[in-house]
Amino acid sequence: MKTFQEILQLFSNTKESQWKQHDHCKGWVFETAHADVTAFVSGIVFGDAQVYGDAQVFGNAQVYGNARV
């Protein structure tokens, strides 16, 4: 899992207030993205991406754009 400082290095045009840690696995979700509370997110979800149900986003995985998982 990436630290918040690593997130800011990857997405330098964003601010801390635009990110939140997901309840399961403490991955990062950008303010315009969505991840259900039932999903497992230890990676990054950003853009207009949405993660539903029991979907899993782990490690260095990034879900972005208009992706739906």
PDB file of N, CA and C in Angstrom:
ATOM      1  N   MET A   1       0.847  -1.179   0.000  1.00  0.00           N
ATOM      2  CA  MET A   1       0.000   0.000   0.000  1.00  0.00           C
ATOM      3  C   MET A   1       0.892   1.241   0.000  1.00  0.00           C
ATOM      4  N   LYS A   2       0.499   2.226  -0.748  1.00  0.00           N
ATOM      5  CA  LYS A   2       1.265   3.462  -0.862  1.00  0.00           C
ATOM      6  C   LYS A   2       0.948   4.425   0.282  1.00  0.00           C
ATOM      7  N   THR A   3       1.969   5.156   0.683  1.00  0.00           N
ATOM      8  CA  THR A   3       1.761   6.213   1.673  1.00  0.00           C
ATOM      9  C   THR A   3       1.131   7.408   0.977  1.00  0.00           C
ATOM     10  N   PHE A   4       0.622   8.330   1.759  1.00  0.00           N
ATOM     11  CA  PHE A   4       0.024   9.501   1.141  1.00  0.00           C
ATOM     12  C   PHE A   4       1.066  10.314   0.389  1.00  0.00           C
ATOM     13  N   GLN A   5       2.281  10.373   0.883  1.00  0.00           N
ATOM     14  CA  GLN A   5       3.342  11.108   0.182  1.00  0.00           C
ATOM     15  C   GLN A   5       3.607  10.494  -1.192  1.00  0.00           C
ATOM     16  N   GLU A   6       3.535   9.177  -1.303  1.00  0.00           N
ATOM     17  CA  GLU A   6       3.703   8.514  -2.599  1.00  0.00           C
ATOM     18  C   GLU A   6       2.543   8.851  -3.540  1.00  0.00           C
ATOM     19  N   ILE A   7       1.348   8.957  -2.991  1.00  0.00           N
ATOM     20  CA  ILE A   7       0.182   9.340  -3.793  1.00  0.00           C
ATOM     21  C   ILE A   7       0.390  10.742  -4.366  1.00  0.00           C
ATOM     22  N   LEU A   8       0.857  11.659  -3.538  1.00  0.00           N
ATOM     23  CA  LEU A   8       1.086  13.029  -4.009  1.00  0.00           C
ATOM     24  C   LEU A   8       2.195  13.087  -5.053  1.00  0.00           C
ATOM     25  N   GLN A   9       3.177  12.215  -4.971  1.00  0.00           N
ATOM     26  CA  GLN A   9       4.219  12.168  -6.004  1.00  0.00           C
ATOM     27  C   GLN A   9       3.643  11.678  -7.326  1.00  0.00           C
ATOM     28  N   LEU A  10       2.743  10.703  -7.269  1.00  0.00           N
ATOM     29  CA  LEU A  10       2.114  10.188  -8.485  1.00  0.00           C
ATOM     30  C   LEU A  10       1.124  11.184  -9.089  1.00  0.00           C
ATOM     31  N   PHE A  11       0.411  11.880  -8.227  1.00  0.00           N
ATOM     32  CA  PHE A  11      -0.640  12.804  -8.650  1.00  0.00           C
ATOM     33  C   PHE A  11      -0.351  14.183  -8.061  1.00  0.00           C
ATOM     34  N   SER A  12       0.707  14.808  -8.549  1.00  0.00           N
ATOM     35  CA  SER A  12       1.190  16.055  -7.954  1.00  0.00           C
ATOM     36  C   SER A  12       0.235  17.230  -8.136  1.00  0.00           C
ATOM     37  N   ASN A  13      -0.718  17.100  -9.037  1.00  0.00           N
ATOM     38  CA  ASN A  13      -1.690  18.185  -9.235  1.00  0.00           C
ATOM     39  C   ASN A  13      -2.915  18.034  -8.341  1.00  0.00           C
ATOM     40  N   THR A  14      -2.860  17.128  -7.362  1.00  0.00           N
ATOM     41  CA  THR A  14      -3.977  16.948  -6.435  1.00  0.00           C
ATOM     42  C   THR A  14      -3.574  17.407  -5.039  1.00  0.00           C
ATOM     43  N   LYS A  15      -4.589  17.523  -4.177  1.00  0.00           N
ATOM     44  CA  LYS A  15      -4.371  17.955  -2.792  1.00  0.00           C
ATOM     45  C   LYS A  15      -4.789  16.849  -1.835  1.00  0.00           C
ATOM     46  N   GLU A  16      -4.259  16.893  -0.644  1.00  0.00           N
ATOM     47  CA  GLU A  16      -4.584  15.891   0.369  1.00  0.00           C
ATOM     48  C   GLU A  16      -6.086  15.824   0.635  1.00  0.00           C
ATOM     49  N   SER A  17      -6.752  16.965   0.622  1.00  0.00           N
ATOM     50  CA  SER A  17      -8.184  17.006   0.925  1.00  0.00           C
ATOM     51  C   SER A  17      -9.032  16.298  -0.136  1.00  0.00           C
ATOM     52  N   GLN A  18      -8.451  15.986  -1.288  1.00  0.00           N
ATOM     53  CA  GLN A  18      -9.183  15.319  -2.361  1.00  0.00           C
ATOM     54  C   GLN A  18      -9.120  13.794  -2.269  1.00  0.00           C
ATOM     55  N   TRP A  19      -8.346  13.274  -1.350  1.00  0.00           N
ATOM     56  CA  TRP A  19      -8.166  11.826  -1.202  1.00  0.00           C
ATOM     57  C   TRP A  19      -8.718  11.346   0.130  1.00  0.00           C
ATOM     58  N   LYS A  20      -9.175  10.097   0.155  1.00  0.00           N
ATOM     59  CA  LYS A  20      -9.556   9.469   1.423  1.00  0.00           C
ATOM     60  C   LYS A  20      -9.073   8.018   1.386  1.00  0.00           C
ATOM     61  N   GLN A  21      -8.836   7.483   2.556  1.00  0.00           N
ATOM     62  CA  GLN A  21      -8.458   6.078   2.636  1.00  0.00           C
ATOM     63  C   GLN A  21      -9.707   5.232   2.739  1.00  0.00           C
ATOM     64  N   HIS A  22      -9.718   4.155   1.980  1.00  0.00           N
ATOM     65  CA  HIS A  22     -10.864   3.252   1.975  1.00  0.00           C
ATOM     66  C   HIS A  22     -10.902   2.457   3.276  1.00  0.00           C
ATOM     67  N   ASP A  23     -12.099   2.125   3.745  1.00  0.00           N
ATOM     68  CA  ASP A  23     -12.266   1.417   5.011  1.00  0.00           C
ATOM     69  C   ASP A  23     -11.633   0.034   5.015  1.00  0.00           C
ATOM     70  N   HIS A  24     -11.743  -0.685   3.893  1.00  0.00           N
ATOM     71  CA  HIS A  24     -11.139  -2.020   3.806  1.00  0.00           C
ATOM     72  C   HIS A  24      -9.777  -1.901   3.143  1.00  0.00           C
ATOM     73  N   CYS A  25      -8.754  -2.316   3.806  1.00  0.00           N
ATOM     74  CA  CYS A  25      -7.382  -2.397   3.287  1.00  0.00           C
ATOM     75  C   CYS A  25      -6.688  -1.054   3.130  1.00  0.00           C
ATOM     76  N   LYS A  26      -7.359   0.047   3.436  1.00  0.00           N
ATOM     77  CA  LYS A  26      -6.761   1.385   3.498  1.00  0.00           C
ATOM     78  C   LYS A  26      -6.119   1.874   2.208  1.00  0.00           C
ATOM     79  N   GLY A  27      -6.647   1.457   1.047  1.00  0.00           N
ATOM     80  CA  GLY A  27      -6.209   2.011  -0.232  1.00  0.00           C
ATOM     81  C   GLY A  27      -6.706   3.436  -0.375  1.00  0.00           C
ATOM     82  N   TRP A  28      -6.357   4.078  -1.490  1.00  0.00           N
ATOM     83  CA  TRP A  28      -6.690   5.490  -1.685  1.00  0.00           C
ATOM     84  C   TRP A  28      -7.766   5.663  -2.736  1.00  0.00           C
ATOM     85  N   VAL A  29      -8.751   6.523  -2.440  1.00  0.00           N
ATOM     86  CA  VAL A  29      -9.861   6.796  -3.346  1.00  0.00           C
ATOM     87  C   VAL A  29      -9.949   8.315  -3.533  1.00  0.00           C
ATOM     88  N   PHE A  30      -9.889   8.747  -4.813  1.00  0.00           N
ATOM     89  CA  PHE A  30      -9.984  10.174  -5.124  1.00  0.00           C
ATOM     90  C   PHE A  30     -11.432  10.632  -4.993  1.00  0.00           C
ATOM     91  N   GLU A  31     -11.631  11.920  -4.765  1.00  0.00           N
ATOM     92  CA  GLU A  31     -12.971  12.456  -4.488  1.00  0.00           C
ATOM     93  C   GLU A  31     -13.974  12.239  -5.621  1.00  0.00           C
ATOM     94  N   THR A  32     -13.530  12.120  -6.860  1.00  0.00           N
ATOM     95  CA  THR A  32     -14.453  11.924  -7.975  1.00  0.00           C
ATOM     96  C   THR A  32     -14.732  10.457  -8.256  1.00  0.00           C
ATOM     97  N   ALA A  33     -13.996   9.568  -7.599  1.00  0.00           N
ATOM     98  CA  ALA A  33     -14.157   8.122  -7.785  1.00  0.00           C
ATOM     99  C   ALA A  33     -15.070   7.565  -6.698  1.00  0.00           C
ATOM    100  N   HIS A  34     -15.449   6.300  -6.850  1.00  0.00           N
ATOM    101  CA  HIS A  34     -16.315   5.648  -5.860  1.00  0.00           C
ATOM    102  C   HIS A  34     -15.839   4.221  -5.626  1.00  0.00           C
ATOM    103  N   ALA A  35     -15.818   3.820  -4.368  1.00  0.00           N
ATOM    104  CA  ALA A  35     -15.550   2.426  -4.008  1.00  0.00           C
ATOM    105  C   ALA A  35     -16.532   2.033  -2.913  1.00  0.00           C
ATOM    106  N   ASP A  36     -17.354   1.008  -3.197  1.00  0.00           N
ATOM    107  CA  ASP A  36     -18.297   0.530  -2.189  1.00  0.00           C
ATOM    108  C   ASP A  36     -17.561   0.169  -0.904  1.00  0.00           C
ATOM    109  N   VAL A  37     -18.241   0.307   0.218  1.00  0.00           N
ATOM    110  CA  VAL A  37     -17.627  -0.067   1.496  1.00  0.00           C
ATOM    111  C   VAL A  37     -17.378  -1.575   1.573  1.00  0.00           C
ATOM    112  N   THR A  38     -18.050  -2.359   0.730  1.00  0.00           N
ATOM    113  CA  THR A  38     -17.867  -3.814   0.726  1.00  0.00           C
ATOM    114  C   THR A  38     -16.681  -4.247  -0.130  1.00  0.00           C
ATOM    115  N   ALA A  39     -16.127  -3.328  -0.941  1.00  0.00           N
ATOM    116  CA  ALA A  39     -14.983  -3.661  -1.782  1.00  0.00           C
ATOM    117  C   ALA A  39     -13.703  -3.690  -0.936  1.00  0.00           C
ATOM    118  N   PHE A  40     -12.674  -4.319  -1.473  1.00  0.00           N
ATOM    119  CA  PHE A  40     -11.372  -4.381  -0.812  1.00  0.00           C
ATOM    120  C   PHE A  40     -10.391  -3.582  -1.652  1.00  0.00           C
ATOM    121  N   VAL A  41      -9.955  -2.436  -1.127  1.00  0.00           N
ATOM    122  CA  VAL A  41      -9.102  -1.528  -1.897  1.00  0.00           C
ATOM    123  C   VAL A  41      -7.813  -1.259  -1.123  1.00  0.00           C
ATOM    124  N   SER A  42      -6.690  -1.794  -1.647  1.00  0.00           N
ATOM    125  CA  SER A  42      -5.386  -1.414  -1.103  1.00  0.00           C
ATOM    126  C   SER A  42      -4.575  -0.694  -2.167  1.00  0.00           C
ATOM    127  N   GLY A  43      -5.123  -0.583  -3.373  1.00  0.00           N
ATOM    128  CA  GLY A  43      -4.490   0.150  -4.475  1.00  0.00           C
ATOM    129  C   GLY A  43      -5.050   1.553  -4.545  1.00  0.00           C
ATOM    130  N   ILE A  44      -5.214   2.050  -5.783  1.00  0.00           N
ATOM    131  CA  ILE A  44      -5.655   3.427  -6.014  1.00  0.00           C
ATOM    132  C   ILE A  44      -6.868   3.423  -6.933  1.00  0.00           C
ATOM    133  N   VAL A  45      -7.892   4.203  -6.565  1.00  0.00           N
ATOM    134  CA  VAL A  45      -9.077   4.382  -7.398  1.00  0.00           C
ATOM    135  C   VAL A  45      -9.223   5.883  -7.628  1.00  0.00           C
ATOM    136  N   PHE A  46      -9.195   6.301  -8.897  1.00  0.00           N
ATOM    137  CA  PHE A  46      -9.263   7.733  -9.165  1.00  0.00           C
ATOM    138  C   PHE A  46      -9.966   8.009 -10.484  1.00  0.00           C
ATOM    139  N   GLY A  47     -10.093   9.301 -10.813  1.00  0.00           N
ATOM    140  CA  GLY A  47     -10.864   9.687 -11.989  1.00  0.00           C
ATOM    141  C   GLY A  47     -12.341   9.480 -11.693  1.00  0.00           C
ATOM    142  N   ASP A  48     -13.064   8.934 -12.664  1.00  0.00           N
ATOM    143  CA  ASP A  48     -14.484   8.634 -12.475  1.00  0.00           C
ATOM    144  C   ASP A  48     -14.708   7.142 -12.276  1.00  0.00           C
ATOM    145  N   ALA A  49     -13.658   6.428 -11.879  1.00  0.00           N
ATOM    146  CA  ALA A  49     -13.737   4.978 -11.700  1.00  0.00           C
ATOM    147  C   ALA A  49     -14.667   4.616 -10.551  1.00  0.00           C
ATOM    148  N   GLN A  50     -15.256   3.421 -10.650  1.00  0.00           N
ATOM    149  CA  GLN A  50     -16.150   2.930  -9.610  1.00  0.00           C
ATOM    150  C   GLN A  50     -15.834   1.461  -9.336  1.00  0.00           C
ATOM    151  N   VAL A  51     -15.768   1.119  -8.059  1.00  0.00           N
ATOM    152  CA  VAL A  51     -15.495  -0.252  -7.628  1.00  0.00           C
ATOM    153  C   VAL A  51     -16.682  -0.701  -6.788  1.00  0.00           C
ATOM    154  N   TYR A  52     -17.275  -1.840  -7.180  1.00  0.00           N
ATOM    155  CA  TYR A  52     -18.526  -2.293  -6.561  1.00  0.00           C
ATOM    156  C   TYR A  52     -18.393  -3.637  -5.846  1.00  0.00           C
ATOM    157  N   GLY A  53     -19.362  -3.883  -4.984  1.00  0.00           N
ATOM    158  CA  GLY A  53     -19.531  -5.193  -4.356  1.00  0.00           C
ATOM    159  C   GLY A  53     -18.297  -5.689  -3.657  1.00  0.00           C
ATOM    160  N   ASP A  54     -17.917  -6.941  -3.962  1.00  0.00           N
ATOM    161  CA  ASP A  54     -16.757  -7.572  -3.333  1.00  0.00           C
ATOM    162  C   ASP A  54     -15.508  -7.472  -4.212  1.00  0.00           C
ATOM    163  N   ALA A  55     -15.487  -6.538  -5.166  1.00  0.00           N
ATOM    164  CA  ALA A  55     -14.323  -6.371  -6.043  1.00  0.00           C
ATOM    165  C   ALA A  55     -13.086  -6.079  -5.205  1.00  0.00           C
ATOM    166  N   GLN A  56     -11.922  -6.457  -5.738  1.00  0.00           N
ATOM    167  CA  GLN A  56     -10.667  -6.285  -5.019  1.00  0.00           C
ATOM    168  C   GLN A  56      -9.665  -5.517  -5.872  1.00  0.00           C
ATOM    169  N   VAL A  57      -9.074  -4.484  -5.286  1.00  0.00           N
ATOM    170  CA  VAL A  57      -8.039  -3.688  -5.932  1.00  0.00           C
ATOM    171  C   VAL A  57      -6.837  -3.716  -4.995  1.00  0.00           C
ATOM    172  N   PHE A  58      -5.817  -4.498  -5.356  1.00  0.00           N
ATOM    173  CA  PHE A  58      -4.703  -4.748  -4.433  1.00  0.00           C
ATOM    174  C   PHE A  58      -3.361  -4.276  -4.974  1.00  0.00           C
ATOM    175  N   GLY A  59      -2.421  -4.103  -4.049  1.00  0.00           N
ATOM    176  CA  GLY A  59      -1.026  -3.824  -4.398  1.00  0.00           C
ATOM    177  C   GLY A  59      -0.855  -2.558  -5.199  1.00  0.00           C
ATOM    178  N   ASN A  60      -0.194  -2.680  -6.343  1.00  0.00           N
ATOM    179  CA  ASN A  60       0.072  -1.525  -7.206  1.00  0.00           C
ATOM    180  C   ASN A  60      -1.042  -1.276  -8.205  1.00  0.00           C
ATOM    181  N   ALA A  61      -2.161  -1.964  -8.047  1.00  0.00           N
ATOM    182  CA  ALA A  61      -3.277  -1.810  -8.985  1.00  0.00           C
ATOM    183  C   ALA A  61      -3.837  -0.398  -8.946  1.00  0.00           C
ATOM    184  N   GLN A  62      -4.197   0.097 -10.126  1.00  0.00           N
ATOM    185  CA  GLN A  62      -4.824   1.404 -10.243  1.00  0.00           C
ATOM    186  C   GLN A  62      -6.059   1.264 -11.136  1.00  0.00           C
ATOM    187  N   VAL A  63      -7.194   1.714 -10.637  1.00  0.00           N
ATOM    188  CA  VAL A  63      -8.436   1.713 -11.402  1.00  0.00           C
ATOM    189  C   VAL A  63      -8.748   3.177 -11.661  1.00  0.00           C
ATOM    190  N   TYR A  64      -8.899   3.533 -12.950  1.00  0.00           N
ATOM    191  CA  TYR A  64      -9.031   4.960 -13.237  1.00  0.00           C
ATOM    192  C   TYR A  64      -9.845   5.191 -14.508  1.00  0.00           C
ATOM    193  N   GLY A  65      -9.995   6.476 -14.865  1.00  0.00           N
ATOM    194  CA  GLY A  65     -10.807   6.837 -16.022  1.00  0.00           C
ATOM    195  C   GLY A  65     -12.275   6.579 -15.724  1.00  0.00           C
ATOM    196  N   ASN A  66     -12.949   5.938 -16.658  1.00  0.00           N
ATOM    197  CA  ASN A  66     -14.363   5.593 -16.469  1.00  0.00           C
ATOM    198  C   ASN A  66     -14.549   4.118 -16.171  1.00  0.00           C
ATOM    199  N   ALA A  67     -13.516   3.469 -15.657  1.00  0.00           N
ATOM    200  CA  ALA A  67     -13.545   2.035 -15.380  1.00  0.00           C
ATOM    201  C   ALA A  67     -14.607   1.689 -14.344  1.00  0.00           C
ATOM    202  N   ARG A  68     -15.207   0.511 -14.516  1.00  0.00           N
ATOM    203  CA  ARG A  68     -16.165  -0.041 -13.551  1.00  0.00           C
ATOM    204  C   ARG A  68     -15.696  -1.455 -13.218  1.00  0.00           C
ATOM    205  N   VAL A  69     -15.507  -1.717 -11.924  1.00  0.00           N
ATOM    206  CA  VAL A  69     -15.051  -3.040 -11.483  1.00  0.00           C
ATOM    207  C   VAL A  69     -16.072  -3.609 -10.539  1.00  0.00           C
TER     208      VAL A  69
END
